[in-house]
Full PDB file with SEQRES, HELIX, SHEET, SSBOND, CRYST1, ORIGX, SCALE, CONECT and MASTER records, all heavy atoms in Angstrom:
SEQRES   1 A   37  GLY PRO LYS PRO GLU THR VAL SER VAL SER CYS THR GLN          
SEQRES   2 A   37  ASP ARG TYR TRP LEU PHE MET GLU ILE SER VAL VAL GLY          
SEQRES   3 A   37  GLN SER VAL LYS ILE ARG MET SER ASP VAL TYR                  
SHEET    1 AA1 3 SER A   8  ASP A  14  0                                        
SHEET    2 AA1 3 TRP A  17  VAL A  24 -1                                        
SHEET    3 AA1 3 GLN A  27  SER A  34 -1                                        
CRYST1    1.000    1.000    1.000  90.00  90.00  90.00 P 1           1          
ORIGX1      1.000000  0.000000  0.000000        0.00000                         
ORIGX2      0.000000  1.000000  0.000000        0.00000                         
ORIGX3      0.000000  0.000000  1.000000        0.00000                         
SCALE1      1.000000  0.000000  0.000000        0.00000                         
SCALE2      0.000000  1.000000  0.000000        0.00000                         
SCALE3      0.000000  0.000000  1.000000        0.00000                         
ATOM      1  N   GLY A   1     -11.967 -12.002  20.763  1.00  0.00           N  
ATOM      2  CA  GLY A   1     -10.809 -11.132  20.684  1.00  0.00           C  
ATOM      3  C   GLY A   1     -11.104  -9.964  19.769  1.00  0.00           C  
ATOM      4  O   GLY A   1     -12.250  -9.712  19.398  1.00  0.00           O  
ATOM      5  N   PRO A   2     -10.065  -9.275  19.387  1.00  0.00           N  
ATOM      6  CA  PRO A   2     -10.255  -8.137  18.484  1.00  0.00           C  
ATOM      7  C   PRO A   2     -10.786  -8.612  17.131  1.00  0.00           C  
ATOM      8  O   PRO A   2     -10.499  -9.715  16.682  1.00  0.00           O  
ATOM      9  CB  PRO A   2      -8.850  -7.542  18.349  1.00  0.00           C  
ATOM     10  CG  PRO A   2      -7.925  -8.634  18.750  1.00  0.00           C  
ATOM     11  CD  PRO A   2      -8.672  -9.504  19.712  1.00  0.00           C  
ATOM     12  N   LYS A   3     -11.568  -7.774  16.515  1.00  0.00           N  
ATOM     13  CA  LYS A   3     -12.116  -8.075  15.189  1.00  0.00           C  
ATOM     14  C   LYS A   3     -11.078  -7.711  14.131  1.00  0.00           C  
ATOM     15  O   LYS A   3     -10.412  -6.686  14.236  1.00  0.00           O  
ATOM     16  CB  LYS A   3     -13.386  -7.257  14.942  1.00  0.00           C  
ATOM     17  CG  LYS A   3     -14.487  -7.543  15.926  1.00  0.00           C  
ATOM     18  CD  LYS A   3     -15.416  -8.571  15.372  1.00  0.00           C  
ATOM     19  CE  LYS A   3     -16.609  -8.687  16.301  1.00  0.00           C  
ATOM     20  NZ  LYS A   3     -17.069 -10.009  16.454  1.00  0.00           N  
ATOM     21  N   PRO A   4     -10.960  -8.536  13.089  1.00  0.00           N  
ATOM     22  CA  PRO A   4     -10.008  -8.201  12.030  1.00  0.00           C  
ATOM     23  C   PRO A   4     -10.467  -6.983  11.236  1.00  0.00           C  
ATOM     24  O   PRO A   4     -11.660  -6.763  11.042  1.00  0.00           O  
ATOM     25  CB  PRO A   4      -9.983  -9.454  11.157  1.00  0.00           C  
ATOM     26  CG  PRO A   4     -11.240 -10.177  11.462  1.00  0.00           C  
ATOM     27  CD  PRO A   4     -11.625  -9.807  12.864  1.00  0.00           C  
ATOM     28  N   GLU A   5      -9.502  -6.196  10.813  1.00  0.00           N  
ATOM     29  CA  GLU A   5      -9.775  -5.009  10.005  1.00  0.00           C  
ATOM     30  C   GLU A   5      -9.835  -5.395   8.527  1.00  0.00           C  
ATOM     31  O   GLU A   5      -9.206  -6.356   8.099  1.00  0.00           O  
ATOM     32  CB  GLU A   5      -8.667  -3.965  10.197  1.00  0.00           C  
ATOM     33  CG  GLU A   5      -8.530  -3.450  11.604  1.00  0.00           C  
ATOM     34  CD  GLU A   5      -9.675  -2.557  12.037  1.00  0.00           C  
ATOM     35  OE1 GLU A   5     -10.429  -2.078  11.167  1.00  0.00           O  
ATOM     36  OE2 GLU A   5      -9.811  -2.337  13.244  1.00  0.00           O  
ATOM     37  N   THR A   6     -10.581  -4.642   7.753  1.00  0.00           N  
ATOM     38  CA  THR A   6     -10.624  -4.826   6.308  1.00  0.00           C  
ATOM     39  C   THR A   6      -9.491  -4.031   5.685  1.00  0.00           C  
ATOM     40  O   THR A   6      -9.333  -2.842   5.945  1.00  0.00           O  
ATOM     41  CB  THR A   6     -11.983  -4.352   5.738  1.00  0.00           C  
ATOM     42  OG1 THR A   6     -13.016  -5.131   6.342  1.00  0.00           O  
ATOM     43  CG2 THR A   6     -12.021  -4.531   4.230  1.00  0.00           C  
ATOM     44  N   VAL A   7      -8.705  -4.696   4.880  1.00  0.00           N  
ATOM     45  CA  VAL A   7      -7.541  -4.094   4.241  1.00  0.00           C  
ATOM     46  C   VAL A   7      -7.901  -3.703   2.809  1.00  0.00           C  
ATOM     47  O   VAL A   7      -8.569  -4.455   2.106  1.00  0.00           O  
ATOM     48  CB  VAL A   7      -6.359  -5.082   4.219  1.00  0.00           C  
ATOM     49  CG1 VAL A   7      -5.157  -4.498   3.499  1.00  0.00           C  
ATOM     50  CG2 VAL A   7      -5.992  -5.500   5.634  1.00  0.00           C  
ATOM     51  N   SER A   8      -7.453  -2.526   2.393  1.00  0.00           N  
ATOM     52  CA  SER A   8      -7.607  -2.129   0.995  1.00  0.00           C  
ATOM     53  C   SER A   8      -6.230  -1.787   0.436  1.00  0.00           C  
ATOM     54  O   SER A   8      -5.345  -1.343   1.167  1.00  0.00           O  
ATOM     55  CB  SER A   8      -8.565  -0.949   0.845  1.00  0.00           C  
ATOM     56  OG  SER A   8      -8.049   0.185   1.478  1.00  0.00           O  
ATOM     57  N   VAL A   9      -6.080  -2.018  -0.858  1.00  0.00           N  
ATOM     58  CA  VAL A   9      -4.800  -1.792  -1.523  1.00  0.00           C  
ATOM     59  C   VAL A   9      -5.053  -1.034  -2.819  1.00  0.00           C  
ATOM     60  O   VAL A   9      -5.951  -1.380  -3.581  1.00  0.00           O  
ATOM     61  CB  VAL A   9      -4.083  -3.127  -1.829  1.00  0.00           C  
ATOM     62  CG1 VAL A   9      -2.833  -2.903  -2.661  1.00  0.00           C  
ATOM     63  CG2 VAL A   9      -3.737  -3.840  -0.533  1.00  0.00           C  
ATOM     64  N   SER A  10      -4.265   0.002  -3.039  1.00  0.00           N  
ATOM     65  CA  SER A  10      -4.320   0.721  -4.312  1.00  0.00           C  
ATOM     66  C   SER A  10      -2.899   0.902  -4.819  1.00  0.00           C  
ATOM     67  O   SER A  10      -1.954   0.969  -4.040  1.00  0.00           O  
ATOM     68  CB  SER A  10      -5.021   2.069  -4.155  1.00  0.00           C  
ATOM     69  OG  SER A  10      -4.281   2.892  -3.279  1.00  0.00           O  
ATOM     70  N   CYS A  11      -2.764   0.965  -6.129  1.00  0.00           N  
ATOM     71  CA  CYS A  11      -1.448   1.086  -6.742  1.00  0.00           C  
ATOM     72  C   CYS A  11      -1.429   2.247  -7.725  1.00  0.00           C  
ATOM     73  O   CYS A  11      -2.434   2.547  -8.373  1.00  0.00           O  
ATOM     74  CB  CYS A  11      -1.086  -0.197  -7.480  1.00  0.00           C  
ATOM     75  SG  CYS A  11      -0.973  -1.638  -6.416  1.00  0.00           S  
ATOM     76  N   THR A  12      -0.280   2.892  -7.809  1.00  0.00           N  
ATOM     77  CA  THR A  12      -0.040   3.957  -8.777  1.00  0.00           C  
ATOM     78  C   THR A  12       1.373   3.785  -9.317  1.00  0.00           C  
ATOM     79  O   THR A  12       2.155   2.993  -8.786  1.00  0.00           O  
ATOM     80  CB  THR A  12      -0.192   5.361  -8.147  1.00  0.00           C  
ATOM     81  OG1 THR A  12       0.717   5.474  -7.043  1.00  0.00           O  
ATOM     82  CG2 THR A  12      -1.612   5.625  -7.677  1.00  0.00           C  
ATOM     83  N   GLN A  13       1.692   4.556 -10.347  1.00  0.00           N  
ATOM     84  CA  GLN A  13       3.025   4.474 -10.942  1.00  0.00           C  
ATOM     85  C   GLN A  13       3.526   5.863 -11.271  1.00  0.00           C  
ATOM     86  O   GLN A  13       2.769   6.714 -11.727  1.00  0.00           O  
ATOM     87  CB  GLN A  13       2.975   3.622 -12.217  1.00  0.00           C  
ATOM     88  CG  GLN A  13       4.326   3.402 -12.860  1.00  0.00           C  
ATOM     89  CD  GLN A  13       4.256   2.477 -14.061  1.00  0.00           C  
ATOM     90  OE1 GLN A  13       3.190   2.091 -14.508  1.00  0.00           O  
ATOM     91  NE2 GLN A  13       5.412   2.119 -14.581  1.00  0.00           N  
ATOM     92  N   ASP A  14       4.808   6.068 -11.020  1.00  0.00           N  
ATOM     93  CA  ASP A  14       5.490   7.298 -11.419  1.00  0.00           C  
ATOM     94  C   ASP A  14       6.754   6.863 -12.158  1.00  0.00           C  
ATOM     95  O   ASP A  14       7.788   6.622 -11.543  1.00  0.00           O  
ATOM     96  CB  ASP A  14       5.835   8.146 -10.197  1.00  0.00           C  
ATOM     97  CG  ASP A  14       6.550   9.434 -10.554  1.00  0.00           C  
ATOM     98  OD1 ASP A  14       6.557   9.805 -11.751  1.00  0.00           O  
ATOM     99  OD2 ASP A  14       7.111  10.061  -9.646  1.00  0.00           O  
ATOM    100  N   ARG A  15       6.621   6.696 -13.435  1.00  0.00           N  
ATOM    101  CA  ARG A  15       7.681   6.190 -14.312  1.00  0.00           C  
ATOM    102  C   ARG A  15       8.245   4.887 -13.781  1.00  0.00           C  
ATOM    103  O   ARG A  15       7.592   3.870 -13.887  1.00  0.00           O  
ATOM    104  CB  ARG A  15       8.754   7.245 -14.514  1.00  0.00           C  
ATOM    105  CG  ARG A  15       8.200   8.459 -15.274  1.00  0.00           C  
ATOM    106  CD  ARG A  15       9.280   9.330 -15.766  1.00  0.00           C  
ATOM    107  NE  ARG A  15      10.005   8.645 -16.819  1.00  0.00           N  
ATOM    108  CZ  ARG A  15      10.418   9.217 -17.910  1.00  0.00           C  
ATOM    109  NH1 ARG A  15      10.192  10.481 -18.111  1.00  0.00           N  
ATOM    110  NH2 ARG A  15      11.077   8.543 -18.823  1.00  0.00           N  
ATOM    111  N   TYR A  16       9.457   4.892 -13.202  1.00  0.00           N  
ATOM    112  CA  TYR A  16      10.126   3.664 -12.811  1.00  0.00           C  
ATOM    113  C   TYR A  16       9.746   3.177 -11.418  1.00  0.00           C  
ATOM    114  O   TYR A  16      10.306   2.209 -10.939  1.00  0.00           O  
ATOM    115  CB  TYR A  16      11.642   3.855 -12.900  1.00  0.00           C  
ATOM    116  CG  TYR A  16      12.076   4.247 -14.281  1.00  0.00           C  
ATOM    117  CD1 TYR A  16      12.397   5.568 -14.574  1.00  0.00           C  
ATOM    118  CD2 TYR A  16      12.139   3.313 -15.300  1.00  0.00           C  
ATOM    119  CE1 TYR A  16      12.788   5.939 -15.853  1.00  0.00           C  
ATOM    120  CE2 TYR A  16      12.526   3.681 -16.582  1.00  0.00           C  
ATOM    121  CZ  TYR A  16      12.846   4.987 -16.847  1.00  0.00           C  
ATOM    122  OH  TYR A  16      13.222   5.347 -18.124  1.00  0.00           O  
ATOM    123  N   TRP A  17       8.832   3.845 -10.778  1.00  0.00           N  
ATOM    124  CA  TRP A  17       8.415   3.473  -9.431  1.00  0.00           C  
ATOM    125  C   TRP A  17       6.954   3.026  -9.439  1.00  0.00           C  
ATOM    126  O   TRP A  17       6.109   3.678 -10.037  1.00  0.00           O  
ATOM    127  CB  TRP A  17       8.537   4.660  -8.478  1.00  0.00           C  
ATOM    128  CG  TRP A  17       9.938   5.128  -8.297  1.00  0.00           C  
ATOM    129  CD1 TRP A  17      10.536   6.169  -8.937  1.00  0.00           C  
ATOM    130  CD2 TRP A  17      10.921   4.578  -7.435  1.00  0.00           C  
ATOM    131  NE1 TRP A  17      11.833   6.304  -8.518  1.00  0.00           N  
ATOM    132  CE2 TRP A  17      12.100   5.341  -7.596  1.00  0.00           C  
ATOM    133  CE3 TRP A  17      10.926   3.529  -6.527  1.00  0.00           C  
ATOM    134  CZ2 TRP A  17      13.259   5.066  -6.893  1.00  0.00           C  
ATOM    135  CZ3 TRP A  17      12.083   3.262  -5.831  1.00  0.00           C  
ATOM    136  CH2 TRP A  17      13.235   4.023  -6.014  1.00  0.00           C  
ATOM    137  N   LEU A  18       6.697   1.931  -8.738  1.00  0.00           N  
ATOM    138  CA  LEU A  18       5.321   1.540  -8.439  1.00  0.00           C  
ATOM    139  C   LEU A  18       5.091   1.855  -6.968  1.00  0.00           C  
ATOM    140  O   LEU A  18       5.976   1.639  -6.131  1.00  0.00           O  
ATOM    141  CB  LEU A  18       5.097   0.047  -8.662  1.00  0.00           C  
ATOM    142  CG  LEU A  18       5.137  -0.473 -10.086  1.00  0.00           C  
ATOM    143  CD1 LEU A  18       4.829  -1.964 -10.108  1.00  0.00           C  
ATOM    144  CD2 LEU A  18       4.167   0.267 -10.982  1.00  0.00           C  
ATOM    145  N   PHE A  19       3.916   2.362  -6.663  1.00  0.00           N  
ATOM    146  CA  PHE A  19       3.546   2.657  -5.285  1.00  0.00           C  
ATOM    147  C   PHE A  19       2.343   1.814  -4.925  1.00  0.00           C  
ATOM    148  O   PHE A  19       1.333   1.822  -5.636  1.00  0.00           O  
ATOM    149  CB  PHE A  19       3.204   4.139  -5.114  1.00  0.00           C  
ATOM    150  CG  PHE A  19       4.365   5.050  -5.382  1.00  0.00           C  
ATOM    151  CD1 PHE A  19       4.551   5.603  -6.631  1.00  0.00           C  
ATOM    152  CD2 PHE A  19       5.280   5.322  -4.383  1.00  0.00           C  
ATOM    153  CE1 PHE A  19       5.623   6.429  -6.894  1.00  0.00           C  
ATOM    154  CE2 PHE A  19       6.369   6.150  -4.630  1.00  0.00           C  
ATOM    155  CZ  PHE A  19       6.536   6.707  -5.887  1.00  0.00           C  
ATOM    156  N   MET A  20       2.472   1.067  -3.840  1.00  0.00           N  
ATOM    157  CA  MET A  20       1.365   0.264  -3.336  1.00  0.00           C  
ATOM    158  C   MET A  20       0.979   0.821  -1.975  1.00  0.00           C  
ATOM    159  O   MET A  20       1.808   0.840  -1.051  1.00  0.00           O  
ATOM    160  CB  MET A  20       1.762  -1.205  -3.216  1.00  0.00           C  
ATOM    161  CG  MET A  20       0.643  -2.090  -2.693  1.00  0.00           C  
ATOM    162  SD  MET A  20       1.033  -3.868  -2.744  1.00  0.00           S  
ATOM    163  CE  MET A  20       2.446  -3.945  -1.645  1.00  0.00           C  
ATOM    164  N   GLU A  21      -0.244   1.300  -1.860  1.00  0.00           N  
ATOM    165  CA  GLU A  21      -0.718   1.829  -0.588  1.00  0.00           C  
ATOM    166  C   GLU A  21      -1.634   0.800   0.060  1.00  0.00           C  
ATOM    167  O   GLU A  21      -2.617   0.369  -0.536  1.00  0.00           O  
ATOM    168  CB  GLU A  21      -1.458   3.143  -0.782  1.00  0.00           C  
ATOM    169  CG  GLU A  21      -1.826   3.782   0.540  1.00  0.00           C  
ATOM    170  CD  GLU A  21      -2.260   5.223   0.406  1.00  0.00           C  
ATOM    171  OE1 GLU A  21      -2.411   5.723  -0.716  1.00  0.00           O  
ATOM    172  OE2 GLU A  21      -2.436   5.852   1.453  1.00  0.00           O  
ATOM    173  N   ILE A  22      -1.279   0.407   1.268  1.00  0.00           N  
ATOM    174  CA  ILE A  22      -2.054  -0.548   2.048  1.00  0.00           C  
ATOM    175  C   ILE A  22      -2.727   0.233   3.166  1.00  0.00           C  
ATOM    176  O   ILE A  22      -2.049   0.931   3.929  1.00  0.00           O  
ATOM    177  CB  ILE A  22      -1.162  -1.665   2.623  1.00  0.00           C  
ATOM    178  CG1 ILE A  22      -0.459  -2.412   1.476  1.00  0.00           C  
ATOM    179  CG2 ILE A  22      -1.975  -2.624   3.478  1.00  0.00           C  
ATOM    180  CD1 ILE A  22       0.543  -3.437   1.924  1.00  0.00           C  
ATOM    181  N   SER A  23      -4.057   0.116   3.254  1.00  0.00           N  
ATOM    182  CA  SER A  23      -4.817   0.929   4.207  1.00  0.00           C  
ATOM    183  C   SER A  23      -5.802   0.090   4.996  1.00  0.00           C  
ATOM    184  O   SER A  23      -6.377  -0.868   4.485  1.00  0.00           O  
ATOM    185  CB  SER A  23      -5.605   2.016   3.470  1.00  0.00           C  
ATOM    186  OG  SER A  23      -4.759   2.830   2.706  1.00  0.00           O  
ATOM    187  N   VAL A  24      -5.975   0.487   6.233  1.00  0.00           N  
ATOM    188  CA  VAL A  24      -7.055   0.021   7.099  1.00  0.00           C  
ATOM    189  C   VAL A  24      -7.572   1.260   7.809  1.00  0.00           C  
ATOM    190  O   VAL A  24      -6.986   2.338   7.694  1.00  0.00           O  
ATOM    191  CB  VAL A  24      -6.591  -1.045   8.122  1.00  0.00           C  
ATOM    192  CG1 VAL A  24      -6.103  -2.307   7.426  1.00  0.00           C  
ATOM    193  CG2 VAL A  24      -5.517  -0.508   9.032  1.00  0.00           C  
ATOM    194  N   VAL A  25      -8.642   1.122   8.542  1.00  0.00           N  
ATOM    195  CA  VAL A  25      -9.199   2.272   9.246  1.00  0.00           C  
ATOM    196  C   VAL A  25      -8.134   2.880  10.158  1.00  0.00           C  
ATOM    197  O   VAL A  25      -7.587   2.212  11.029  1.00  0.00           O  
ATOM    198  CB  VAL A  25     -10.434   1.862  10.079  1.00  0.00           C  
ATOM    199  CG1 VAL A  25     -10.936   3.017  10.914  1.00  0.00           C  
ATOM    200  CG2 VAL A  25     -11.528   1.351   9.161  1.00  0.00           C  
ATOM    201  N   GLY A  26      -7.793   4.139   9.915  1.00  0.00           N  
ATOM    202  CA  GLY A  26      -6.864   4.859  10.777  1.00  0.00           C  
ATOM    203  C   GLY A  26      -5.393   4.624  10.518  1.00  0.00           C  
ATOM    204  O   GLY A  26      -4.554   5.258  11.140  1.00  0.00           O  
ATOM    205  N   GLN A  27      -5.042   3.696   9.621  1.00  0.00           N  
ATOM    206  CA  GLN A  27      -3.640   3.416   9.334  1.00  0.00           C  
ATOM    207  C   GLN A  27      -3.455   3.242   7.834  1.00  0.00           C  
ATOM    208  O   GLN A  27      -4.300   2.665   7.156  1.00  0.00           O  
ATOM    209  CB  GLN A  27      -3.166   2.139  10.033  1.00  0.00           C  
ATOM    210  CG  GLN A  27      -3.192   2.200  11.539  1.00  0.00           C  
ATOM    211  CD  GLN A  27      -2.670   0.896  12.128  1.00  0.00           C  
ATOM    212  OE1 GLN A  27      -1.503   0.542  11.915  1.00  0.00           O  
ATOM    213  NE2 GLN A  27      -3.519   0.185  12.832  1.00  0.00           N  
ATOM    214  N   SER A  28      -2.319   3.722   7.341  1.00  0.00           N  
ATOM    215  CA  SER A  28      -2.023   3.584   5.925  1.00  0.00           C  
ATOM    216  C   SER A  28      -0.516   3.655   5.739  1.00  0.00           C  
ATOM    217  O   SER A  28       0.175   4.372   6.457  1.00  0.00           O  
ATOM    218  CB  SER A  28      -2.715   4.708   5.136  1.00  0.00           C  
ATOM    219  OG  SER A  28      -2.451   4.595   3.784  1.00  0.00           O  
ATOM    220  N   VAL A  29      -0.017   2.911   4.776  1.00  0.00           N  
ATOM    221  CA  VAL A  29       1.401   2.967   4.457  1.00  0.00           C  
ATOM    222  C   VAL A  29       1.552   2.870   2.941  1.00  0.00           C  
ATOM    223  O   VAL A  29       0.859   2.089   2.290  1.00  0.00           O  
ATOM    224  CB  VAL A  29       2.213   1.868   5.171  1.00  0.00           C  
ATOM    225  CG1 VAL A  29       1.757   0.485   4.777  1.00  0.00           C  
ATOM    226  CG2 VAL A  29       3.709   2.019   4.915  1.00  0.00           C  
ATOM    227  N   LYS A  30       2.432   3.694   2.394  1.00  0.00           N  
ATOM    228  CA  LYS A  30       2.725   3.651   0.964  1.00  0.00           C  
ATOM    229  C   LYS A  30       4.106   3.029   0.797  1.00  0.00           C  
ATOM    230  O   LYS A  30       5.089   3.498   1.372  1.00  0.00           O  
ATOM    231  CB  LYS A  30       2.694   5.051   0.353  1.00  0.00           C  
ATOM    232  CG  LYS A  30       2.795   5.030  -1.168  1.00  0.00           C  
ATOM    233  CD  LYS A  30       2.681   6.412  -1.769  1.00  0.00           C  
ATOM    234  CE  LYS A  30       1.219   6.741  -1.955  1.00  0.00           C  
ATOM    235  NZ  LYS A  30       1.009   7.935  -2.786  1.00  0.00           N  
ATOM    236  N   ILE A  31       4.154   1.978  -0.003  1.00  0.00           N  
ATOM    237  CA  ILE A  31       5.400   1.265  -0.266  1.00  0.00           C  
ATOM    238  C   ILE A  31       5.863   1.625  -1.669  1.00  0.00           C  
ATOM    239  O   ILE A  31       5.112   1.486  -2.631  1.00  0.00           O  
ATOM    240  CB  ILE A  31       5.190  -0.255  -0.132  1.00  0.00           C  
ATOM    241  CG1 ILE A  31       4.752  -0.596   1.294  1.00  0.00           C  
ATOM    242  CG2 ILE A  31       6.456  -1.003  -0.521  1.00  0.00           C  
ATOM    243  CD1 ILE A  31       4.293  -2.023   1.476  1.00  0.00           C  
ATOM    244  N   ARG A  32       7.097   2.088  -1.753  1.00  0.00           N  
ATOM    245  CA  ARG A  32       7.691   2.460  -3.034  1.00  0.00           C  
ATOM    246  C   ARG A  32       8.478   1.258  -3.557  1.00  0.00           C  
ATOM    247  O   ARG A  32       9.407   0.786  -2.911  1.00  0.00           O  
ATOM    248  CB  ARG A  32       8.602   3.666  -2.847  1.00  0.00           C  
ATOM    249  CG  ARG A  32       9.181   4.207  -4.123  1.00  0.00           C  
ATOM    250  CD  ARG A  32       9.998   5.428  -3.873  1.00  0.00           C  
ATOM    251  NE  ARG A  32      11.157   5.085  -3.055  1.00  0.00           N  
ATOM    252  CZ  ARG A  32      11.969   5.973  -2.509  1.00  0.00           C  
ATOM    253  NH1 ARG A  32      11.748   7.254  -2.664  1.00  0.00           N  
ATOM    254  NH2 ARG A  32      12.996   5.592  -1.791  1.00  0.00           N  
ATOM    255  N   MET A  33       8.089   0.775  -4.730  1.00  0.00           N  
ATOM    256  CA  MET A  33       8.719  -0.416  -5.289  1.00  0.00           C  
ATOM    257  C   MET A  33       9.551  -0.024  -6.503  1.00  0.00           C  
ATOM    258  O   MET A  33       9.057   0.628  -7.415  1.00  0.00           O  
ATOM    259  CB  MET A  33       7.661  -1.448  -5.664  1.00  0.00           C  
ATOM    260  CG  MET A  33       6.876  -1.928  -4.447  1.00  0.00           C  
ATOM    261  SD  MET A  33       5.758  -3.295  -4.765  1.00  0.00           S  
ATOM    262  CE  MET A  33       4.469  -2.484  -5.701  1.00  0.00           C  
ATOM    263  N   SER A  34      10.810  -0.434  -6.486  1.00  0.00           N  
ATOM    264  CA  SER A  34      11.778  -0.090  -7.529  1.00  0.00           C  
ATOM    265  C   SER A  34      11.806  -1.151  -8.611  1.00  0.00           C  
ATOM    266  O   SER A  34      11.747  -2.346  -8.322  1.00  0.00           O  
ATOM    267  CB  SER A  34      13.155   0.019  -6.878  1.00  0.00           C  
ATOM    268  OG  SER A  34      14.174  -0.053  -7.836  1.00  0.00           O  
ATOM    269  N   ASP A  35      11.965  -0.711  -9.854  1.00  0.00           N  
ATOM    270  CA  ASP A  35      12.115  -1.675 -10.942  1.00  0.00           C  
ATOM    271  C   ASP A  35      13.490  -2.336 -10.903  1.00  0.00           C  
ATOM    272  O   ASP A  35      13.676  -3.422 -11.429  1.00  0.00           O  
ATOM    273  CB  ASP A  35      11.857  -1.022 -12.304  1.00  0.00           C  
ATOM    274  CG  ASP A  35      12.903   0.009 -12.687  1.00  0.00           C  
ATOM    275  OD1 ASP A  35      13.405   0.712 -11.790  1.00  0.00           O  
ATOM    276  OD2 ASP A  35      13.207   0.119 -13.886  1.00  0.00           O  
ATOM    277  N   VAL A  36      14.460  -1.713 -10.253  1.00  0.00           N  
ATOM    278  CA  VAL A  36      15.800  -2.279 -10.139  1.00  0.00           C  
ATOM    279  C   VAL A  36      15.828  -3.399  -9.098  1.00  0.00           C  
ATOM    280  O   VAL A  36      16.410  -4.460  -9.318  1.00  0.00           O  
ATOM    281  CB  VAL A  36      16.837  -1.188  -9.780  1.00  0.00           C  
ATOM    282  CG1 VAL A  36      18.206  -1.798  -9.549  1.00  0.00           C  
ATOM    283  CG2 VAL A  36      16.887  -0.139 -10.885  1.00  0.00           C  
ATOM    284  N   TYR A  37      15.195  -3.173  -7.946  1.00  0.00           N  
ATOM    285  CA  TYR A  37      15.118  -4.174  -6.877  1.00  0.00           C  
ATOM    286  C   TYR A  37      13.676  -4.659  -6.794  1.00  0.00           C  
ATOM    287  O   TYR A  37      12.985  -4.423  -5.805  1.00  0.00           O  
ATOM    288  CB  TYR A  37      15.574  -3.588  -5.542  1.00  0.00           C  
ATOM    289  CG  TYR A  37      16.990  -3.074  -5.583  1.00  0.00           C  
ATOM    290  CD1 TYR A  37      17.255  -1.709  -5.460  1.00  0.00           C  
ATOM    291  CD2 TYR A  37      18.061  -3.944  -5.756  1.00  0.00           C  
ATOM    292  CE1 TYR A  37      18.555  -1.235  -5.495  1.00  0.00           C  
ATOM    293  CE2 TYR A  37      19.358  -3.460  -5.802  1.00  0.00           C  
ATOM    294  CZ  TYR A  37      19.602  -2.111  -5.661  1.00  0.00           C  
ATOM    295  OH  TYR A  37      20.881  -1.645  -5.706  1.00  0.00           O  
TER     296      TYR A  37                                                      
MASTER        0    0    0    0    3    0    0    6  295    1    0    3          
END                                                                             
């Protein structure tokens, strides 16, 4: 079947927000994480 992709994750912070970026070849999404929720 299809071969699994290698996932990479990087994190950054902008004061009260943490950002987690999840990436694979050709696709990426940045998730904004709140300290409140």
